[in-house]
Amino acid sequence: MADKFIKAGFRFDGAAVFPILNFQYDDDSYSWGLAQIVRNFVSGKNDVSANDLKDWHGEFEGLSAAGKYFFSSSRYIFKASKPPPDV
């Protein structure tokens, strides 16, 4: 990955990971909002039946209530800087 920054004329200064972890499915969780976006997007494609989509989306509340809900996603943050010009 660092080579891409270097080839673009930057100095690679490091990276960090920002994990998102939800054990509950409620309207305060990241995964709740993401599930709404996915559901709305998929429903507009007509590739998945309305019943299958309803079952998929409906499963999250039951899993959460049973203490079986788990969602994890990682975001990666890369730090780069422009090196000073050669003198």
PDB file of N, CA and C in Angstrom:
ATOM      1  N   MET A   1       0.817  -1.192   0.000  1.00  0.00           N
ATOM      2  CA  MET A   1       0.000   0.000   0.000  1.00  0.00           C
ATOM      3  C   MET A   1       0.860   1.253   0.000  1.00  0.00           C
ATOM      4  N   ALA A   2       1.938   1.259   0.748  1.00  0.00           N
ATOM      5  CA  ALA A   2       2.789   2.446   0.830  1.00  0.00           C
ATOM      6  C   ALA A   2       3.332   2.838  -0.534  1.00  0.00           C
ATOM      7  N   ASP A   3       3.562   1.848  -1.387  1.00  0.00           N
ATOM      8  CA  ASP A   3       4.114   2.147  -2.712  1.00  0.00           C
ATOM      9  C   ASP A   3       3.200   3.036  -3.534  1.00  0.00           C
ATOM     10  N   LYS A   4       1.902   2.924  -3.343  1.00  0.00           N
ATOM     11  CA  LYS A   4       0.954   3.761  -4.094  1.00  0.00           C
ATOM     12  C   LYS A   4       1.086   5.228  -3.694  1.00  0.00           C
ATOM     13  N   PHE A   5       1.274   5.477  -2.418  1.00  0.00           N
ATOM     14  CA  PHE A   5       1.489   6.862  -1.966  1.00  0.00           C
ATOM     15  C   PHE A   5       2.814   7.400  -2.516  1.00  0.00           C
ATOM     16  N   ILE A   6       3.835   6.586  -2.433  1.00  0.00           N
ATOM     17  CA  ILE A   6       5.170   7.005  -2.874  1.00  0.00           C
ATOM     18  C   ILE A   6       5.170   7.281  -4.375  1.00  0.00           C
ATOM     19  N   LYS A   7       4.537   6.409  -5.144  1.00  0.00           N
ATOM     20  CA  LYS A   7       4.462   6.620  -6.591  1.00  0.00           C
ATOM     21  C   LYS A   7       3.705   7.895  -6.940  1.00  0.00           C
ATOM     22  N   ALA A   8       2.775   8.301  -6.063  1.00  0.00           N
ATOM     23  CA  ALA A   8       1.998   9.526  -6.292  1.00  0.00           C
ATOM     24  C   ALA A   8       2.726  10.763  -5.769  1.00  0.00           C
ATOM     25  N   GLY A   9       3.930  10.580  -5.233  1.00  0.00           N
ATOM     26  CA  GLY A   9       4.715  11.722  -4.777  1.00  0.00           C
ATOM     27  C   GLY A   9       4.548  12.072  -3.311  1.00  0.00           C
ATOM     28  N   PHE A  10       3.975  11.166  -2.547  1.00  0.00           N
ATOM     29  CA  PHE A  10       3.776  11.406  -1.119  1.00  0.00           C
ATOM     30  C   PHE A  10       4.705  10.528  -0.294  1.00  0.00           C
ATOM     31  N   ARG A  11       4.802  10.866   0.966  1.00  0.00           N
ATOM     32  CA  ARG A  11       5.518  10.038   1.931  1.00  0.00           C
ATOM     33  C   ARG A  11       4.445   9.308   2.745  1.00  0.00           C
ATOM     34  N   PHE A  12       4.600   8.024   2.885  1.00  0.00           N
ATOM     35  CA  PHE A  12       3.664   7.238   3.682  1.00  0.00           C
ATOM     36  C   PHE A  12       4.039   7.373   5.145  1.00  0.00           C
ATOM     37  N   ASP A  13       3.125   7.922   5.948  1.00  0.00           N
ATOM     38  CA  ASP A  13       3.406   8.197   7.360  1.00  0.00           C
ATOM     39  C   ASP A  13       2.719   7.240   8.328  1.00  0.00           C
ATOM     40  N   GLY A  14       2.010   6.258   7.824  1.00  0.00           N
ATOM     41  CA  GLY A  14       1.410   5.277   8.717  1.00  0.00           C
ATOM     42  C   GLY A  14      -0.047   5.004   8.406  1.00  0.00           C
ATOM     43  N   ALA A  15      -0.590   4.082   9.181  1.00  0.00           N
ATOM     44  CA  ALA A  15      -1.983   3.690   9.004  1.00  0.00           C
ATOM     45  C   ALA A  15      -2.556   3.282  10.355  1.00  0.00           C
ATOM     46  N   ALA A  16      -3.864   3.367  10.444  1.00  0.00           N
ATOM     47  CA  ALA A  16      -4.569   2.947  11.652  1.00  0.00           C
ATOM     48  C   ALA A  16      -5.883   2.306  11.230  1.00  0.00           C
ATOM     49  N   VAL A  17      -6.406   1.487  12.102  1.00  0.00           N
ATOM     50  CA  VAL A  17      -7.702   0.873  11.833  1.00  0.00           C
ATOM     51  C   VAL A  17      -8.713   1.426  12.826  1.00  0.00           C
ATOM     52  N   PHE A  18      -9.919   1.679  12.338  1.00  0.00           N
ATOM     53  CA  PHE A  18     -11.009   2.177  13.163  1.00  0.00           C
ATOM     54  C   PHE A  18     -12.133   1.143  13.089  1.00  0.00           C
ATOM     55  N   PRO A  19     -12.186   0.227  14.062  1.00  0.00           N
ATOM     56  CA  PRO A  19     -13.218  -0.812  14.017  1.00  0.00           C
ATOM     57  C   PRO A  19     -14.577  -0.300  14.492  1.00  0.00           C
ATOM     58  N   ILE A  20     -15.610  -0.855  13.902  1.00  0.00           N
ATOM     59  CA  ILE A  20     -16.982  -0.604  14.337  1.00  0.00           C
ATOM     60  C   ILE A  20     -17.541  -1.961  14.730  1.00  0.00           C
ATOM     61  N   LEU A  21     -18.002  -2.069  15.957  1.00  0.00           N
ATOM     62  CA  LEU A  21     -18.474  -3.337  16.488  1.00  0.00           C
ATOM     63  C   LEU A  21     -19.813  -3.109  17.174  1.00  0.00           C
ATOM     64  N   ASN A  22     -20.840  -3.836  16.745  1.00  0.00           N
ATOM     65  CA  ASN A  22     -22.169  -3.732  17.356  1.00  0.00           C
ATOM     66  C   ASN A  22     -22.609  -5.100  17.849  1.00  0.00           C
ATOM     67  N   PHE A  23     -23.056  -5.149  19.087  1.00  0.00           N
ATOM     68  CA  PHE A  23     -23.645  -6.368  19.659  1.00  0.00           C
ATOM     69  C   PHE A  23     -25.155  -6.234  19.800  1.00  0.00           C
ATOM     70  N   GLN A  24     -25.662  -5.054  19.522  1.00  0.00           N
ATOM     71  CA  GLN A  24     -27.096  -4.791  19.561  1.00  0.00           C
ATOM     72  C   GLN A  24     -27.521  -4.195  18.227  1.00  0.00           C
ATOM     73  N   TYR A  25     -28.724  -4.505  17.827  1.00  0.00           N
ATOM     74  CA  TYR A  25     -29.292  -3.928  16.611  1.00  0.00           C
ATOM     75  C   TYR A  25     -30.395  -2.981  17.053  1.00  0.00           C
ATOM     76  N   ASP A  26     -30.079  -1.696  17.075  1.00  0.00           N
ATOM     77  CA  ASP A  26     -31.073  -0.679  17.404  1.00  0.00           C
ATOM     78  C   ASP A  26     -30.749   0.586  16.622  1.00  0.00           C
ATOM     79  N   ASP A  27     -31.630   1.567  16.699  1.00  0.00           N
ATOM     80  CA  ASP A  27     -31.467   2.748  15.850  1.00  0.00           C
ATOM     81  C   ASP A  27     -30.289   3.631  16.249  1.00  0.00           C
ATOM     82  N   ASP A  28     -29.577   3.281  17.304  1.00  0.00           N
ATOM     83  CA  ASP A  28     -28.352   3.998  17.669  1.00  0.00           C
ATOM     84  C   ASP A  28     -27.099   3.288  17.164  1.00  0.00           C
ATOM     85  N   SER A  29     -27.258   2.152  16.511  1.00  0.00           N
ATOM     86  CA  SER A  29     -26.096   1.389  16.064  1.00  0.00           C
ATOM     87  C   SER A  29     -25.774   1.694  14.597  1.00  0.00           C
ATOM     88  N   TYR A  30     -24.506   1.625  14.287  1.00  0.00           N
ATOM     89  CA  TYR A  30     -24.043   1.835  12.913  1.00  0.00           C
ATOM     90  C   TYR A  30     -24.697   0.822  11.974  1.00  0.00           C
ATOM     91  N   SER A  31     -24.754  -0.424  12.403  1.00  0.00           N
ATOM     92  CA  SER A  31     -25.286  -1.477  11.536  1.00  0.00           C
ATOM     93  C   SER A  31     -26.771  -1.290  11.247  1.00  0.00           C
ATOM     94  N   TRP A  32     -27.512  -0.670  12.154  1.00  0.00           N
ATOM     95  CA  TRP A  32     -28.933  -0.404  11.906  1.00  0.00           C
ATOM     96  C   TRP A  32     -29.073   0.509  10.684  1.00  0.00           C
ATOM     97  N   GLY A  33     -28.327   1.603  10.669  1.00  0.00           N
ATOM     98  CA  GLY A  33     -28.395   2.527   9.542  1.00  0.00           C
ATOM     99  C   GLY A  33     -27.919   1.876   8.255  1.00  0.00           C
ATOM    100  N   LEU A  34     -26.855   1.090   8.343  1.00  0.00           N
ATOM    101  CA  LEU A  34     -26.333   0.417   7.162  1.00  0.00           C
ATOM    102  C   LEU A  34     -27.352  -0.583   6.610  1.00  0.00           C
ATOM    103  N   ALA A  35     -28.024  -1.302   7.490  1.00  0.00           N
ATOM    104  CA  ALA A  35     -29.030  -2.270   7.051  1.00  0.00           C
ATOM    105  C   ALA A  35     -30.173  -1.577   6.314  1.00  0.00           C
ATOM    106  N   GLN A  36     -30.548  -0.373   6.748  1.00  0.00           N
ATOM    107  CA  GLN A  36     -31.613   0.374   6.061  1.00  0.00           C
ATOM    108  C   GLN A  36     -31.174   0.729   4.635  1.00  0.00           C
ATOM    109  N   ILE A  37     -29.924   1.169   4.511  1.00  0.00           N
ATOM    110  CA  ILE A  37     -29.391   1.538   3.196  1.00  0.00           C
ATOM    111  C   ILE A  37     -29.354   0.315   2.277  1.00  0.00           C
ATOM    112  N   VAL A  38     -28.854  -0.804   2.789  1.00  0.00           N
ATOM    113  CA  VAL A  38     -28.761  -2.027   1.984  1.00  0.00           C
ATOM    114  C   VAL A  38     -30.154  -2.486   1.581  1.00  0.00           C
ATOM    115  N   ARG A  39     -31.075  -2.515   2.529  1.00  0.00           N
ATOM    116  CA  ARG A  39     -32.445  -2.951   2.236  1.00  0.00           C
ATOM    117  C   ARG A  39     -33.069  -2.090   1.140  1.00  0.00           C
ATOM    118  N   ASN A  40     -32.945  -0.770   1.267  1.00  0.00           N
ATOM    119  CA  ASN A  40     -33.551   0.127   0.284  1.00  0.00           C
ATOM    120  C   ASN A  40     -32.896  -0.018  -1.088  1.00  0.00           C
ATOM    121  N   PHE A  41     -31.576  -0.187  -1.107  1.00  0.00           N
ATOM    122  CA  PHE A  41     -30.864  -0.354  -2.371  1.00  0.00           C
ATOM    123  C   PHE A  41     -31.280  -1.655  -3.060  1.00  0.00           C
ATOM    124  N   VAL A  42     -31.268  -2.749  -2.299  1.00  0.00           N
ATOM    125  CA  VAL A  42     -31.593  -4.059  -2.872  1.00  0.00           C
ATOM    126  C   VAL A  42     -33.045  -4.097  -3.336  1.00  0.00           C
ATOM    127  N   SER A  43     -33.931  -3.480  -2.601  1.00  0.00           N
ATOM    128  CA  SER A  43     -35.346  -3.511  -3.002  1.00  0.00           C
ATOM    129  C   SER A  43     -35.562  -2.797  -4.333  1.00  0.00           C
ATOM    130  N   GLY A  44     -34.741  -1.824  -4.637  1.00  0.00           N
ATOM    131  CA  GLY A  44     -34.862  -1.108  -5.904  1.00  0.00           C
ATOM    132  C   GLY A  44     -34.301  -1.865  -7.092  1.00  0.00           C
ATOM    133  N   LYS A  45     -33.553  -2.930  -6.856  1.00  0.00           N
ATOM    134  CA  LYS A  45     -32.928  -3.703  -7.938  1.00  0.00           C
ATOM    135  C   LYS A  45     -33.820  -4.833  -8.449  1.00  0.00           C
ATOM    136  N   ASN A  46     -34.784  -5.251  -7.664  1.00  0.00           N
ATOM    137  CA  ASN A  46     -35.685  -6.353  -8.015  1.00  0.00           C
ATOM    138  C   ASN A  46     -34.952  -7.665  -8.296  1.00  0.00           C
ATOM    139  N   ASP A  47     -33.790  -7.859  -7.669  1.00  0.00           N
ATOM    140  CA  ASP A  47     -33.045  -9.111  -7.815  1.00  0.00           C
ATOM    141  C   ASP A  47     -33.355 -10.095  -6.691  1.00  0.00           C
ATOM    142  N   VAL A  48     -33.905  -9.589  -5.606  1.00  0.00           N
ATOM    143  CA  VAL A  48     -34.235 -10.405  -4.438  1.00  0.00           C
ATOM    144  C   VAL A  48     -35.730 -10.235  -4.184  1.00  0.00           C
ATOM    145  N   SER A  49     -36.397 -11.324  -3.887  1.00  0.00           N
ATOM    146  CA  SER A  49     -37.845 -11.230  -3.653  1.00  0.00           C
ATOM    147  C   SER A  49     -38.120 -10.372  -2.420  1.00  0.00           C
ATOM    148  N   ALA A  50     -39.263  -9.747  -2.422  1.00  0.00           N
ATOM    149  CA  ALA A  50     -39.656  -8.896  -1.290  1.00  0.00           C
ATOM    150  C   ALA A  50     -39.709  -9.711  -0.004  1.00  0.00           C
ATOM    151  N   ASN A  51     -40.167 -10.959  -0.085  1.00  0.00           N
ATOM    152  CA  ASN A  51     -40.233 -11.812   1.113  1.00  0.00           C
ATOM    153  C   ASN A  51     -38.843 -12.141   1.644  1.00  0.00           C
ATOM    154  N   ASP A  52     -37.913 -12.477   0.751  1.00  0.00           N
ATOM    155  CA  ASP A  52     -36.545 -12.777   1.196  1.00  0.00           C
ATOM    156  C   ASP A  52     -35.897 -11.549   1.834  1.00  0.00           C
ATOM    157  N   LEU A  53     -36.128 -10.400   1.236  1.00  0.00           N
ATOM    158  CA  LEU A  53     -35.564  -9.172   1.783  1.00  0.00           C
ATOM    159  C   LEU A  53     -36.174  -8.850   3.139  1.00  0.00           C
ATOM    160  N   LYS A  54     -37.466  -9.035   3.271  1.00  0.00           N
ATOM    161  CA  LYS A  54     -38.140  -8.801   4.556  1.00  0.00           C
ATOM    162  C   LYS A  54     -37.615  -9.767   5.617  1.00  0.00           C
ATOM    163  N   ASP A  55     -37.439 -11.043   5.248  1.00  0.00           N
ATOM    164  CA  ASP A  55     -36.909 -12.034   6.192  1.00  0.00           C
ATOM    165  C   ASP A  55     -35.490 -11.690   6.622  1.00  0.00           C
ATOM    166  N   TRP A  56     -34.648 -11.299   5.648  1.00  0.00           N
ATOM    167  CA  TRP A  56     -33.257 -10.930   5.954  1.00  0.00           C
ATOM    168  C   TRP A  56     -33.222  -9.761   6.927  1.00  0.00           C
ATOM    169  N   HIS A  57     -33.952  -8.715   6.611  1.00  0.00           N
ATOM    170  CA  HIS A  57     -33.932  -7.512   7.440  1.00  0.00           C
ATOM    171  C   HIS A  57     -34.600  -7.760   8.789  1.00  0.00           C
ATOM    172  N   GLY A  58     -35.646  -8.557   8.803  1.00  0.00           N
ATOM    173  CA  GLY A  58     -36.373  -8.833  10.035  1.00  0.00           C
ATOM    174  C   GLY A  58     -35.608  -9.691  11.026  1.00  0.00           C
ATOM    175  N   GLU A  59     -34.633 -10.420  10.554  1.00  0.00           N
ATOM    176  CA  GLU A  59     -33.870 -11.320  11.419  1.00  0.00           C
ATOM    177  C   GLU A  59     -33.032 -10.574  12.458  1.00  0.00           C
ATOM    178  N   PHE A  60     -32.604  -9.361  12.151  1.00  0.00           N
ATOM    179  CA  PHE A  60     -31.670  -8.643  13.024  1.00  0.00           C
ATOM    180  C   PHE A  60     -32.247  -8.340  14.408  1.00  0.00           C
ATOM    181  N   GLU A  61     -33.487  -7.919  14.472  1.00  0.00           N
ATOM    182  CA  GLU A  61     -34.086  -7.599  15.772  1.00  0.00           C
ATOM    183  C   GLU A  61     -34.182  -8.842  16.656  1.00  0.00           C
ATOM    184  N   GLY A  62     -34.552  -9.974  16.075  1.00  0.00           N
ATOM    185  CA  GLY A  62     -34.636 -11.218  16.833  1.00  0.00           C
ATOM    186  C   GLY A  62     -33.278 -11.678  17.335  1.00  0.00           C
ATOM    187  N   LEU A  63     -32.272 -11.566  16.499  1.00  0.00           N
ATOM    188  CA  LEU A  63     -30.916 -11.931  16.925  1.00  0.00           C
ATOM    189  C   LEU A  63     -30.456 -11.030  18.065  1.00  0.00           C
ATOM    190  N   SER A  64     -30.742  -9.751  17.950  1.00  0.00           N
ATOM    191  CA  SER A  64     -30.344  -8.805  18.990  1.00  0.00           C
ATOM    192  C   SER A  64     -31.043  -9.126  20.311  1.00  0.00           C
ATOM    193  N   ALA A  65     -32.343  -9.369  20.242  1.00  0.00           N
ATOM    194  CA  ALA A  65     -33.110  -9.681  21.454  1.00  0.00           C
ATOM    195  C   ALA A  65     -32.615 -10.958  22.126  1.00  0.00           C
ATOM    196  N   ALA A  66     -32.113 -11.899  21.330  1.00  0.00           N
ATOM    197  CA  ALA A  66     -31.625 -13.173  21.866  1.00  0.00           C
ATOM    198  C   ALA A  66     -30.158 -13.101  22.292  1.00  0.00           C
ATOM    199  N   GLY A  67     -29.540 -11.923  22.140  1.00  0.00           N
ATOM    200  CA  GLY A  67     -28.133 -11.780  22.495  1.00  0.00           C
ATOM    201  C   GLY A  67     -27.197 -12.447  21.502  1.00  0.00           C
ATOM    202  N   LYS A  68     -27.673 -12.665  20.271  1.00  0.00           N
ATOM    203  CA  LYS A  68     -26.881 -13.355  19.256  1.00  0.00           C
ATOM    204  C   LYS A  68     -26.469 -12.445  18.098  1.00  0.00           C
ATOM    205  N   TYR A  69     -26.712 -11.165  18.228  1.00  0.00           N
ATOM    206  CA  TYR A  69     -26.394 -10.245  17.133  1.00  0.00           C
ATOM    207  C   TYR A  69     -24.922  -9.845  17.184  1.00  0.00           C
ATOM    208  N   PHE A  70     -24.301  -9.831  16.020  1.00  0.00           N
ATOM    209  CA  PHE A  70     -22.893  -9.432  15.916  1.00  0.00           C
ATOM    210  C   PHE A  70     -22.680  -8.750  14.572  1.00  0.00           C
ATOM    211  N   PHE A  71     -22.090  -7.575  14.607  1.00  0.00           N
ATOM    212  CA  PHE A  71     -21.718  -6.854  13.389  1.00  0.00           C
ATOM    213  C   PHE A  71     -20.337  -6.265  13.606  1.00  0.00           C
ATOM    214  N   SER A  72     -19.483  -6.392  12.594  1.00  0.00           N
ATOM    215  CA  SER A  72     -18.147  -5.817  12.677  1.00  0.00           C
ATOM    216  C   SER A  72     -17.732  -5.309  11.305  1.00  0.00           C
ATOM    217  N   SER A  73     -17.137  -4.138  11.306  1.00  0.00           N
ATOM    218  CA  SER A  73     -16.591  -3.559  10.082  1.00  0.00           C
ATOM    219  C   SER A  73     -15.372  -2.740  10.470  1.00  0.00           C
ATOM    220  N   SER A  74     -14.382  -2.734   9.620  1.00  0.00           N
ATOM    221  CA  SER A  74     -13.176  -1.961   9.901  1.00  0.00           C
ATOM    222  C   SER A  74     -12.982  -0.890   8.832  1.00  0.00           C
ATOM    223  N   ARG A  75     -12.629   0.291   9.280  1.00  0.00           N
ATOM    224  CA  ARG A  75     -12.270   1.387   8.383  1.00  0.00           C
ATOM    225  C   ARG A  75     -10.776   1.619   8.548  1.00  0.00           C
ATOM    226  N   TYR A  76     -10.142   1.917   7.454  1.00  0.00           N
ATOM    227  CA  TYR A  76      -8.695   2.112   7.484  1.00  0.00           C
ATOM    228  C   TYR A  76      -8.372   3.565   7.188  1.00  0.00           C
ATOM    229  N   ILE A  77      -7.515   4.120   8.003  1.00  0.00           N
ATOM    230  CA  ILE A  77      -7.119   5.525   7.876  1.00  0.00           C
ATOM    231  C   ILE A  77      -5.635   5.545   7.541  1.00  0.00           C
ATOM    232  N   PHE A  78      -5.318   6.144   6.415  1.00  0.00           N
ATOM    233  CA  PHE A  78      -3.931   6.225   5.968  1.00  0.00           C
ATOM    234  C   PHE A  78      -3.455   7.664   6.098  1.00  0.00           C
ATOM    235  N   LYS A  79      -2.244   7.808   6.573  1.00  0.00           N
ATOM    236  CA  LYS A  79      -1.657   9.130   6.740  1.00  0.00           C
ATOM    237  C   LYS A  79      -0.492   9.265   5.771  1.00  0.00           C
ATOM    238  N   ALA A  80      -0.513  10.349   5.014  1.00  0.00           N
ATOM    239  CA  ALA A  80       0.557  10.620   4.062  1.00  0.00           C
ATOM    240  C   ALA A  80       0.841  12.112   4.083  1.00  0.00           C
ATOM    241  N   SER A  81       2.025  12.469   3.676  1.00  0.00           N
ATOM    242  CA  SER A  81       2.383  13.885   3.617  1.00  0.00           C
ATOM    243  C   SER A  81       3.209  14.130   2.355  1.00  0.00           C
ATOM    244  N   LYS A  82       3.203  15.349   1.950  1.00  0.00           N
ATOM    245  CA  LYS A  82       3.993  15.747   0.777  1.00  0.00           C
ATOM    246  C   LYS A  82       5.386  16.091   1.268  1.00  0.00           C
ATOM    247  N   PRO A  83       6.398  15.392   0.789  1.00  0.00           N
ATOM    248  CA  PRO A  83       7.761  15.710   1.246  1.00  0.00           C
ATOM    249  C   PRO A  83       8.172  17.093   0.738  1.00  0.00           C
ATOM    250  N   PRO A  84       9.087  17.725   1.458  1.00  0.00           N
ATOM    251  CA  PRO A  84       9.560  19.041   1.008  1.00  0.00           C
ATOM    252  C   PRO A  84      10.287  18.891  -0.332  1.00  0.00           C
ATOM    253  N   PRO A  85      10.232  19.926  -1.147  1.00  0.00           N
ATOM    254  CA  PRO A  85      10.926  19.819  -2.434  1.00  0.00           C
ATOM    255  C   PRO A  85      12.436  19.683  -2.217  1.00  0.00           C
ATOM    256  N   ASP A  86      13.055  18.959  -3.123  1.00  0.00           N
ATOM    257  CA  ASP A  86      14.525  18.805  -3.070  1.00  0.00           C
ATOM    258  C   ASP A  86      15.158  20.171  -3.312  1.00  0.00           C
ATOM    259  N   VAL A  87      16.170  20.468  -2.542  1.00  0.00           N
ATOM    260  CA  VAL A  87      16.860  21.753  -2.671  1.00  0.00           C
ATOM    261  C   VAL A  87      18.153  21.572  -3.434  1.00  0.00           C
TER     262      VAL A  87
END
